[in-house]
Amino acid sequence: MHEFSQRDLAYVTRLDEVLWGGLLLALTIGIHGVGMLLTLRATNAIKDRTTELRSRYPAVPLGILILAAWMIILTNLIEVMAWAGFFVWKGAQPSIFSASYNALLNYTTLAAGYLPLRWRLLEGMLGMGGLITFAWSTSILFTLAQEFMEQALPTAAQRRERQQPRLAAAAHDWSGDSG
């Protein structure tokens, strides 16, 4: 049988901890929604304004994709800062710097155990928020990357359509028809 520390046995999840966690998760998802909407609007606006440029320079769509990734990263960092700000406000972390670092680790589900016992539940809730927003971010980035690949790599049917006139001319020349 496992032995549990007195600290673990004494821990009781408090209602205010659950409510603060729910509020922070809602804030995280709200920030993420706005960030993803802005990311899609910005990339679509750039795509609309660079139609001709994108056909001449294949790196332009890749640049748009990189811009979208940066916007997504910035959105995630803003979300982490909201949690870090809460931890400093409630005295759960000594400074915004350590709070940001620790919140980022939990947001990416890499670490845990840095909050005082009174706020322990928020570590898991922060990880849940990170998983939800990373999945959302991945779907946005995947959609944009798929559009990029469709533009960069024409389908076999499009290649055949482009080659049809050349193949017809070659067949005509080969057959010896002059008429």
Protein backbone atom coordinates (compact mmCIF):
# COMPACT_ATOMS: atom_id res chain seq x y z
CA MET A 1 0.00 0.00 0.00
CA HIS A 2 1.22 3.51 -0.74
CA GLU A 3 1.95 5.97 1.99
CA PHE A 4 0.75 9.50 1.42
CA SER A 5 2.32 12.61 2.84
CA GLN A 6 0.46 14.62 5.45
CA ARG A 7 0.41 17.49 2.94
CA ASP A 8 -1.48 15.35 0.40
CA LEU A 9 -3.86 14.03 3.00
CA ALA A 10 -4.64 17.55 4.21
CA TYR A 11 -5.45 18.91 0.75
CA VAL A 12 -9.10 19.67 0.08
CA THR A 13 -10.28 21.22 -3.18
CA ARG A 14 -11.98 24.51 -2.39
CA LEU A 15 -14.94 25.98 -4.22
CA ASP A 16 -13.14 29.27 -4.86
CA GLU A 17 -10.24 27.36 -6.43
CA VAL A 18 -12.66 25.62 -8.81
CA LEU A 19 -14.46 28.89 -9.62
CA TRP A 20 -11.21 30.78 -10.28
CA GLY A 21 -10.01 27.90 -12.45
CA GLY A 22 -13.26 27.92 -14.44
CA LEU A 23 -13.03 31.68 -14.90
CA LEU A 24 -9.40 31.45 -16.03
CA LEU A 25 -10.26 28.66 -18.48
CA ALA A 26 -13.12 30.73 -19.90
CA LEU A 27 -10.78 33.71 -20.23
CA THR A 28 -8.17 31.51 -21.94
CA ILE A 29 -10.69 30.18 -24.45
CA GLY A 30 -12.06 33.68 -25.05
CA ILE A 31 -8.59 35.09 -25.69
CA HIS A 32 -7.85 32.16 -27.96
CA GLY A 33 -11.07 32.62 -29.93
CA VAL A 34 -10.30 36.28 -30.57
CA GLY A 35 -6.68 35.42 -31.45
CA MET A 36 -7.69 32.71 -33.93
CA LEU A 37 -10.31 34.99 -35.52
CA LEU A 38 -7.70 37.75 -35.92
CA THR A 39 -5.21 35.24 -37.32
CA LEU A 40 -7.67 34.02 -39.95
CA ARG A 41 -8.77 37.55 -40.84
CA ALA A 42 -5.17 38.75 -41.19
CA THR A 43 -4.08 35.80 -43.32
CA ASN A 44 -7.15 36.05 -45.54
CA ALA A 45 -6.64 39.80 -45.99
CA ILE A 46 -3.00 39.26 -46.93
CA LYS A 47 -3.96 36.45 -49.33
CA ASP A 48 -6.54 38.71 -50.99
CA ARG A 49 -4.00 41.52 -51.42
CA THR A 50 -1.18 39.33 -52.69
CA THR A 51 -2.91 37.16 -55.31
CA GLU A 52 -0.68 38.24 -58.18
CA LEU A 53 2.44 38.32 -56.03
CA ARG A 54 1.78 34.79 -54.75
CA SER A 55 1.61 33.41 -58.30
CA ARG A 56 5.03 34.89 -59.14
CA TYR A 57 6.80 34.19 -55.84
CA PRO A 58 6.10 30.80 -54.27
CA ALA A 59 7.64 31.88 -50.94
CA VAL A 60 4.87 34.44 -50.28
CA PRO A 61 2.30 31.81 -49.19
CA LEU A 62 4.92 30.29 -46.91
CA GLY A 63 5.51 33.73 -45.39
CA ILE A 64 1.76 34.03 -44.75
CA LEU A 65 1.82 30.64 -43.03
CA ILE A 66 4.77 31.72 -40.86
CA LEU A 67 2.93 34.94 -39.94
CA ALA A 68 -0.08 32.86 -38.87
CA ALA A 69 2.16 30.66 -36.70
CA TRP A 70 3.64 33.74 -35.02
CA MET A 71 0.17 35.13 -34.35
CA ILE A 72 -0.88 31.82 -32.81
CA ILE A 73 2.24 31.75 -30.61
CA LEU A 74 1.59 35.34 -29.49
CA THR A 75 -2.00 34.44 -28.63
CA ASN A 76 -0.81 31.49 -26.52
CA LEU A 77 1.73 33.68 -24.72
CA ILE A 78 -0.99 36.22 -23.88
CA GLU A 79 -3.04 33.40 -22.38
CA VAL A 80 -0.08 32.22 -20.29
CA MET A 81 0.46 35.79 -19.08
CA ALA A 82 -3.16 35.97 -17.92
CA TRP A 83 -2.62 32.89 -15.74
CA ALA A 84 0.76 34.18 -14.53
CA GLY A 85 -0.81 37.51 -13.60
CA PHE A 86 -3.43 35.69 -11.57
CA PHE A 87 -0.76 33.64 -9.74
CA VAL A 88 1.16 36.80 -8.78
CA TRP A 89 -2.05 38.63 -7.80
CA LYS A 90 -3.05 35.79 -5.48
CA GLY A 91 0.45 35.44 -4.01
CA ALA A 92 0.95 31.96 -5.48
CA GLN A 93 4.19 33.02 -7.23
CA PRO A 94 6.87 35.51 -6.12
CA SER A 95 7.21 37.45 -9.40
CA ILE A 96 5.70 37.76 -12.85
CA PHE A 97 8.88 36.24 -14.29
CA SER A 98 8.77 33.00 -12.32
CA ALA A 99 4.98 32.89 -12.69
CA SER A 100 5.28 33.23 -16.48
CA TYR A 101 7.92 30.53 -16.71
CA ASN A 102 6.03 28.09 -14.51
CA ALA A 103 2.70 28.85 -16.17
CA LEU A 104 4.24 28.23 -19.60
CA LEU A 105 5.60 24.89 -18.42
CA ASN A 106 2.18 23.84 -17.16
CA TYR A 107 0.40 25.27 -20.21
CA THR A 108 2.52 22.95 -22.34
CA THR A 109 1.94 20.15 -19.78
CA LEU A 110 5.68 19.77 -19.16
CA ALA A 111 5.83 20.43 -15.43
CA ALA A 112 3.77 20.68 -12.29
CA GLY A 113 4.14 21.22 -8.58
CA TYR A 114 5.11 24.86 -8.38
CA LEU A 115 1.96 26.37 -6.89
CA PRO A 116 1.19 26.41 -3.20
CA LEU A 117 -1.09 23.64 -2.02
CA ARG A 118 -4.02 26.06 -1.85
CA TRP A 119 -3.91 26.49 -5.66
CA ARG A 120 -2.85 22.96 -6.67
CA LEU A 121 -5.95 22.28 -8.79
CA LEU A 122 -5.12 25.22 -11.07
CA GLU A 123 -1.99 23.48 -12.32
CA GLY A 124 -4.12 20.77 -13.91
CA MET A 125 -6.68 23.25 -15.16
CA LEU A 126 -3.93 25.30 -16.81
CA GLY A 127 -2.70 22.14 -18.56
CA MET A 128 -6.26 21.45 -19.75
CA GLY A 129 -6.47 24.97 -21.15
CA GLY A 130 -3.18 24.46 -22.97
CA LEU A 131 -4.34 21.17 -24.49
CA ILE A 132 -7.61 22.70 -25.69
CA THR A 133 -5.98 25.78 -27.21
CA PHE A 134 -3.11 23.82 -28.78
CA ALA A 135 -5.62 21.54 -30.47
CA TRP A 136 -7.53 24.58 -31.74
CA SER A 137 -4.29 26.25 -32.90
CA THR A 138 -3.21 23.08 -34.65
CA SER A 139 -6.48 22.88 -36.57
CA ILE A 140 -6.11 26.50 -37.74
CA LEU A 141 -2.48 25.98 -38.74
CA PHE A 142 -3.33 22.68 -40.46
CA THR A 143 -6.07 24.38 -42.50
CA LEU A 144 -3.73 27.17 -43.57
CA ALA A 145 -0.92 24.70 -44.35
CA GLN A 146 -3.30 22.57 -46.40
CA GLU A 147 -4.30 25.63 -48.45
CA PHE A 148 -0.62 26.43 -48.93
CA MET A 149 0.15 22.91 -50.11
CA GLU A 150 -2.82 22.89 -52.50
CA GLN A 151 -1.52 26.09 -54.07
CA ALA A 152 2.10 24.97 -54.10
CA LEU A 153 1.45 21.48 -55.45
CA PRO A 154 -1.14 21.43 -58.22
CA THR A 155 -3.22 18.29 -58.48
CA ALA A 156 -2.62 15.72 -61.20
CA ALA A 157 -5.78 16.90 -62.98
CA GLN A 158 -4.51 20.50 -63.04
CA ARG A 159 -1.16 19.35 -64.42
CA ARG A 160 -2.93 17.35 -67.15
CA GLU A 161 -5.08 20.36 -68.05
CA ARG A 162 -1.98 22.51 -68.41
CA GLN A 163 -0.27 19.85 -70.51
CA GLN A 164 -3.29 19.13 -72.77
CA PRO A 165 -2.56 21.87 -75.32
CA ARG A 166 1.11 20.88 -75.52
CA LEU A 167 0.24 17.17 -75.85
CA ALA A 168 -2.34 17.90 -78.54
CA ALA A 169 0.18 20.03 -80.47
CA ALA A 170 2.84 17.33 -80.13
CA ALA A 171 0.41 14.66 -81.31
CA HIS A 172 -0.58 16.85 -84.23
CA ASP A 173 3.06 17.38 -85.20
CA TRP A 174 3.86 13.69 -84.83
CA SER A 175 0.95 12.53 -87.00
CA GLY A 176 2.17 14.63 -89.87
CA ASP A 177 -1.20 16.29 -90.38
CA SER A 178 -0.79 19.63 -92.03
CA GLY A 179 -4.41 20.52 -92.28
